[in-house]
Amino acid sequence: MPQYSRAPIVEAIIDLRVISSNTISSLDLADAIGKIEDYPHRQSLAVNPAFQFSDGDFSAAIGSLSEGLRYISHDHKKVFQARLDGFTISVLPPYEDWTLLQSEAQRLWEIYLSARQPNKLVRVAVRYINHCPIPKGTLASQLLNTVPHLPTQIGILEEFEQRCQMAHPDLEATLLLTQATLTQPQSQDRSILLDIDLFRTKSLWDISDKTALWDYMERLRTRKNLIFESCITDDMRSLIQ
């Protein structure tokens, strides 16, 4: 994938969801993790599940948030969530590269595994959220190949919101592609949200097989790059070079 000096990434995320027969509280989880020196800021997370996942004797809420803790790095550029239902690491701008994100995820995942002791993975995901700039006088369709194409007789497209779900059978994965026009309230600068969420929830391997996990995450990242390049046009490439 080309390296963009003005890459529009506003958040890069690795998300791993788990289930466990080990019933503990969020306080127990916090005590087991202890302090992480380079993540000195710690906040509690509330319970806000979207739906319930069950598997045999185990169950876990799979939603926007679950009970646990949020750890924030010294520079506020990295956020690590240690929840009862899983683990998330987010990197905020300036995003450097995948190697650093993955290595940090692997380090924190080991801390989380030791503290939570889950039995099974139920979801693995790579997600990249982009805000692609729209220069004044430019149409969104000039910048993204995935903008809705509507008959010109009904008008000129100014704003849109779109969410598509697509299968990737070779990876046994699903893509959620979310797009929308965004306007900054003060500056009135406009951009396009391009949210690429690529995940797998079926046929997952044993949680102890760490090589399989991180090899697969690399495959998700490679596919994410292909998706991004397929979405953007040469006009967008010239803006972010």
Foldseek 3Di string as FASTA:
>chain_A
DDDFPQFQFFKKKKWWWFKAPDDDAQVLLCVLLDDDVQQHDKDWWDADADDKDDDPPIIDGHHDTATYMWTAGPVRQWIWTQHLGTIMIMGGPPDDDDVVVLVVCVVVVVSSCRRNVGWDIQKIKIKTKGWQFDDPPHAPVQWWVPPDDDDCVVHGDDWDWDWDWDDDVVLQKIWIWIWIWDADVPPRTITIITMTMIMHRPPDDGPVPVVVVSVSVVVNVVVVVVVVVNTTDVVSSVVRD
